[in-house]
Amino acid sequence: MPLIAVSPFSKPSYVSHTTGDHASLLALIERRFLSRRITLHLTGRDAYANDLEDLFDFKNSPSLNTRIGSAQPPQNDCTP
């Protein structure tokens, strides 16, 4: 299944050659956020699905050191 990963943790210019399907997204969520709380998968499909973690760099994200500026207040007051 073709997939584009848009995330601040996505590896830049990386092409994965692993097979994934719709259950892979659930497997990724289970592994990243629920693995410490539950030991079972929600379904049998996500138990065997590739979790697509190779698409992401959670330790050295390219955008972790990006400076985020503050927003300026609006020029015109638009309250009714």
N, C-alpha and C. Protein backbone atom coordinates (compact mmCIF):
# COMPACT_ATOMS: atom_id res chain seq x y z
N MET A 1 0.85 -1.16 0.00
CA MET A 1 0.00 0.00 0.00
C MET A 1 0.90 1.23 0.00
N PRO A 2 0.75 2.13 -0.93
CA PRO A 2 1.54 3.36 -0.92
C PRO A 2 1.16 4.21 0.30
N LEU A 3 2.16 4.81 0.91
CA LEU A 3 1.92 5.59 2.12
C LEU A 3 2.92 6.72 2.18
N ILE A 4 2.44 7.90 2.52
CA ILE A 4 3.31 9.05 2.77
C ILE A 4 3.16 9.39 4.24
N ALA A 5 4.26 9.38 4.95
CA ALA A 5 4.25 9.69 6.38
C ALA A 5 4.59 11.17 6.55
N VAL A 6 3.64 11.93 7.01
CA VAL A 6 3.85 13.35 7.27
C VAL A 6 3.84 13.53 8.78
N SER A 7 5.00 13.81 9.33
CA SER A 7 5.15 13.91 10.77
C SER A 7 6.42 14.67 11.09
N PRO A 8 6.48 15.34 12.22
CA PRO A 8 7.75 15.95 12.61
C PRO A 8 8.83 14.91 12.90
N PHE A 9 8.43 13.64 13.02
CA PHE A 9 9.37 12.56 13.29
C PHE A 9 9.71 11.74 12.05
N SER A 10 9.18 12.09 10.89
CA SER A 10 9.47 11.35 9.66
C SER A 10 10.93 11.53 9.27
N LYS A 11 11.51 10.46 8.78
CA LYS A 11 12.89 10.54 8.28
C LYS A 11 12.86 11.24 6.93
N PRO A 12 13.67 12.28 6.74
CA PRO A 12 13.66 12.98 5.46
C PRO A 12 14.22 12.12 4.33
N SER A 13 13.57 12.15 3.19
CA SER A 13 13.99 11.46 1.97
C SER A 13 14.14 9.96 2.17
N TYR A 14 13.40 9.37 3.06
CA TYR A 14 13.51 7.94 3.35
C TYR A 14 12.41 7.19 2.61
N VAL A 15 12.79 6.08 1.99
CA VAL A 15 11.84 5.20 1.32
C VAL A 15 11.89 3.85 2.00
N SER A 16 10.76 3.44 2.56
CA SER A 16 10.68 2.15 3.24
C SER A 16 10.27 1.08 2.24
N HIS A 17 10.82 -0.09 2.39
CA HIS A 17 10.47 -1.21 1.52
C HIS A 17 9.75 -2.30 2.30
N THR A 18 9.20 -1.95 3.46
CA THR A 18 8.42 -2.91 4.23
C THR A 18 6.97 -2.88 3.79
N THR A 19 6.28 -3.98 3.98
CA THR A 19 4.88 -4.08 3.60
C THR A 19 4.01 -3.63 4.76
N GLY A 20 3.04 -2.79 4.45
CA GLY A 20 2.13 -2.32 5.46
C GLY A 20 0.70 -2.37 4.95
N ASP A 21 -0.24 -2.30 5.85
CA ASP A 21 -1.64 -2.21 5.48
C ASP A 21 -2.35 -1.34 6.50
N HIS A 22 -3.67 -1.30 6.45
CA HIS A 22 -4.40 -0.42 7.36
C HIS A 22 -4.20 -0.80 8.82
N ALA A 23 -3.91 -2.04 9.11
CA ALA A 23 -3.67 -2.47 10.49
C ALA A 23 -2.30 -2.00 10.99
N SER A 24 -1.42 -1.60 10.09
CA SER A 24 -0.10 -1.13 10.50
C SER A 24 -0.19 0.15 11.32
N LEU A 25 -1.13 1.01 11.00
CA LEU A 25 -1.29 2.24 11.77
C LEU A 25 -1.71 1.92 13.21
N LEU A 26 -2.60 0.98 13.36
CA LEU A 26 -3.02 0.55 14.69
C LEU A 26 -1.86 -0.12 15.43
N ALA A 27 -1.07 -0.91 14.73
CA ALA A 27 0.09 -1.56 15.34
C ALA A 27 1.11 -0.52 15.82
N LEU A 28 1.29 0.55 15.05
CA LEU A 28 2.21 1.62 15.45
C LEU A 28 1.71 2.31 16.71
N ILE A 29 0.43 2.62 16.77
CA ILE A 29 -0.14 3.27 17.96
C ILE A 29 -0.01 2.36 19.17
N GLU A 30 -0.30 1.09 19.00
CA GLU A 30 -0.19 0.15 20.12
C GLU A 30 1.24 0.05 20.63
N ARG A 31 2.18 -0.01 19.72
CA ARG A 31 3.58 -0.16 20.14
C ARG A 31 4.12 1.10 20.80
N ARG A 32 3.81 2.26 20.25
CA ARG A 32 4.35 3.51 20.77
C ARG A 32 3.68 3.98 22.05
N PHE A 33 2.36 3.79 22.15
CA PHE A 33 1.63 4.42 23.25
C PHE A 33 0.96 3.45 24.22
N LEU A 34 0.73 2.21 23.82
CA LEU A 34 0.00 1.29 24.68
C LEU A 34 0.82 0.09 25.13
N SER A 35 2.03 -0.06 24.64
CA SER A 35 2.80 -1.28 24.92
C SER A 35 3.09 -1.45 26.41
N ARG A 36 3.17 -0.38 27.14
CA ARG A 36 3.45 -0.49 28.57
C ARG A 36 2.19 -0.79 29.38
N ARG A 37 1.02 -0.50 28.80
CA ARG A 37 -0.21 -0.68 29.55
C ARG A 37 -0.95 -1.97 29.22
N ILE A 38 -0.84 -2.44 27.99
CA ILE A 38 -1.52 -3.68 27.61
C ILE A 38 -0.52 -4.64 27.00
N THR A 39 -0.77 -5.90 27.14
CA THR A 39 0.12 -6.89 26.55
C THR A 39 -0.52 -7.54 25.34
N LEU A 40 -1.81 -7.37 25.15
CA LEU A 40 -2.50 -7.96 24.02
C LEU A 40 -2.77 -6.92 22.95
N HIS A 41 -2.86 -7.36 21.74
CA HIS A 41 -3.24 -6.47 20.65
C HIS A 41 -4.76 -6.40 20.60
N LEU A 42 -5.27 -5.35 20.00
CA LEU A 42 -6.72 -5.18 19.92
C LEU A 42 -7.36 -6.18 18.96
N THR A 43 -6.66 -6.51 17.89
CA THR A 43 -7.17 -7.50 16.93
C THR A 43 -6.03 -8.41 16.51
N GLY A 44 -6.37 -9.52 15.88
CA GLY A 44 -5.36 -10.42 15.37
C GLY A 44 -4.58 -9.84 14.21
N ARG A 45 -5.24 -8.98 13.42
CA ARG A 45 -4.55 -8.40 12.26
C ARG A 45 -3.42 -7.48 12.67
N ASP A 46 -3.66 -6.63 13.67
CA ASP A 46 -2.59 -5.72 14.08
C ASP A 46 -1.51 -6.43 14.88
N ALA A 47 -1.79 -7.61 15.41
CA ALA A 47 -0.76 -8.38 16.10
C ALA A 47 0.33 -8.82 15.12
N TYR A 48 -0.03 -9.05 13.87
CA TYR A 48 0.93 -9.50 12.85
C TYR A 48 1.31 -8.41 11.86
N ALA A 49 0.75 -7.23 12.00
CA ALA A 49 1.03 -6.14 11.06
C ALA A 49 2.38 -5.50 11.36
N ASN A 50 3.03 -5.02 10.32
CA ASN A 50 4.27 -4.26 10.47
C ASN A 50 3.91 -2.91 11.09
N ASP A 51 4.65 -2.48 12.11
CA ASP A 51 4.29 -1.25 12.80
C ASP A 51 4.84 0.02 12.14
N LEU A 52 5.58 -0.12 11.05
CA LEU A 52 6.09 1.02 10.26
C LEU A 52 7.00 1.96 11.04
N GLU A 53 7.59 1.49 12.11
CA GLU A 53 8.48 2.36 12.89
C GLU A 53 9.74 2.76 12.11
N ASP A 54 10.06 2.03 11.06
CA ASP A 54 11.25 2.39 10.28
C ASP A 54 11.07 3.72 9.56
N LEU A 55 9.84 4.22 9.44
CA LEU A 55 9.58 5.50 8.78
C LEU A 55 9.93 6.69 9.66
N PHE A 56 10.08 6.45 10.95
CA PHE A 56 10.22 7.55 11.90
C PHE A 56 11.51 7.48 12.69
N ASP A 57 11.97 8.64 13.12
CA ASP A 57 13.13 8.75 13.99
C ASP A 57 12.65 9.48 15.24
N PHE A 58 12.27 8.72 16.27
CA PHE A 58 11.70 9.31 17.46
C PHE A 58 12.75 9.86 18.42
N LYS A 59 14.01 9.50 18.22
CA LYS A 59 15.07 9.99 19.11
C LYS A 59 15.78 11.22 18.56
N ASN A 60 15.94 11.28 17.24
CA ASN A 60 16.66 12.39 16.61
C ASN A 60 15.82 13.03 15.52
N SER A 61 14.66 13.48 15.90
CA SER A 61 13.76 14.06 14.91
C SER A 61 14.40 15.27 14.26
N PRO A 62 14.30 15.38 12.93
CA PRO A 62 14.87 16.54 12.24
C PRO A 62 14.23 17.84 12.69
N SER A 63 13.00 17.81 13.16
CA SER A 63 12.32 19.04 13.52
C SER A 63 12.32 19.33 15.03
N LEU A 64 12.99 18.50 15.82
CA LEU A 64 12.99 18.76 17.27
C LEU A 64 13.71 20.04 17.62
N ASN A 65 14.70 20.43 16.85
CA ASN A 65 15.47 21.63 17.14
C ASN A 65 15.04 22.84 16.32
N THR A 66 13.92 22.72 15.63
CA THR A 66 13.42 23.83 14.82
C THR A 66 12.84 24.90 15.73
N ARG A 67 13.25 26.13 15.51
CA ARG A 67 12.72 27.24 16.30
C ARG A 67 11.32 27.58 15.83
N ILE A 68 10.46 27.79 16.78
CA ILE A 68 9.09 28.19 16.48
C ILE A 68 8.90 29.59 17.03
N GLY A 69 8.59 30.51 16.13
CA GLY A 69 8.40 31.89 16.53
C GLY A 69 7.01 32.10 17.13
N SER A 70 6.83 33.25 17.74
CA SER A 70 5.52 33.56 18.31
C SER A 70 4.68 34.28 17.26
N ALA A 71 3.39 34.06 17.32
CA ALA A 71 2.48 34.70 16.37
C ALA A 71 2.21 36.13 16.77
N GLN A 72 2.10 36.98 15.79
CA GLN A 72 1.77 38.38 16.04
C GLN A 72 0.26 38.52 16.26
N PRO A 73 -0.15 39.48 17.05
CA PRO A 73 -1.59 39.68 17.22
C PRO A 73 -2.21 40.16 15.90
N PRO A 74 -3.50 39.95 15.72
CA PRO A 74 -4.13 40.36 14.46
C PRO A 74 -4.07 41.88 14.28
N GLN A 75 -4.00 42.30 13.03
CA GLN A 75 -3.94 43.73 12.70
C GLN A 75 -5.26 44.43 13.03
N ASN A 76 -6.37 43.75 12.73
CA ASN A 76 -7.69 44.34 12.95
C ASN A 76 -8.45 43.48 13.95
N ASP A 77 -9.16 44.15 14.84
CA ASP A 77 -10.00 43.43 15.80
C ASP A 77 -11.23 42.92 15.06
N CYS A 78 -11.49 41.63 15.11
CA CYS A 78 -12.60 41.05 14.36
C CYS A 78 -13.70 40.53 15.28
N THR A 79 -13.75 41.01 16.51
CA THR A 79 -14.82 40.57 17.39
C THR A 79 -16.13 41.24 16.95
N PRO A 80 -17.24 40.53 17.07
CA PRO A 80 -18.53 41.11 16.61
C PRO A 80 -19.02 42.22 17.50
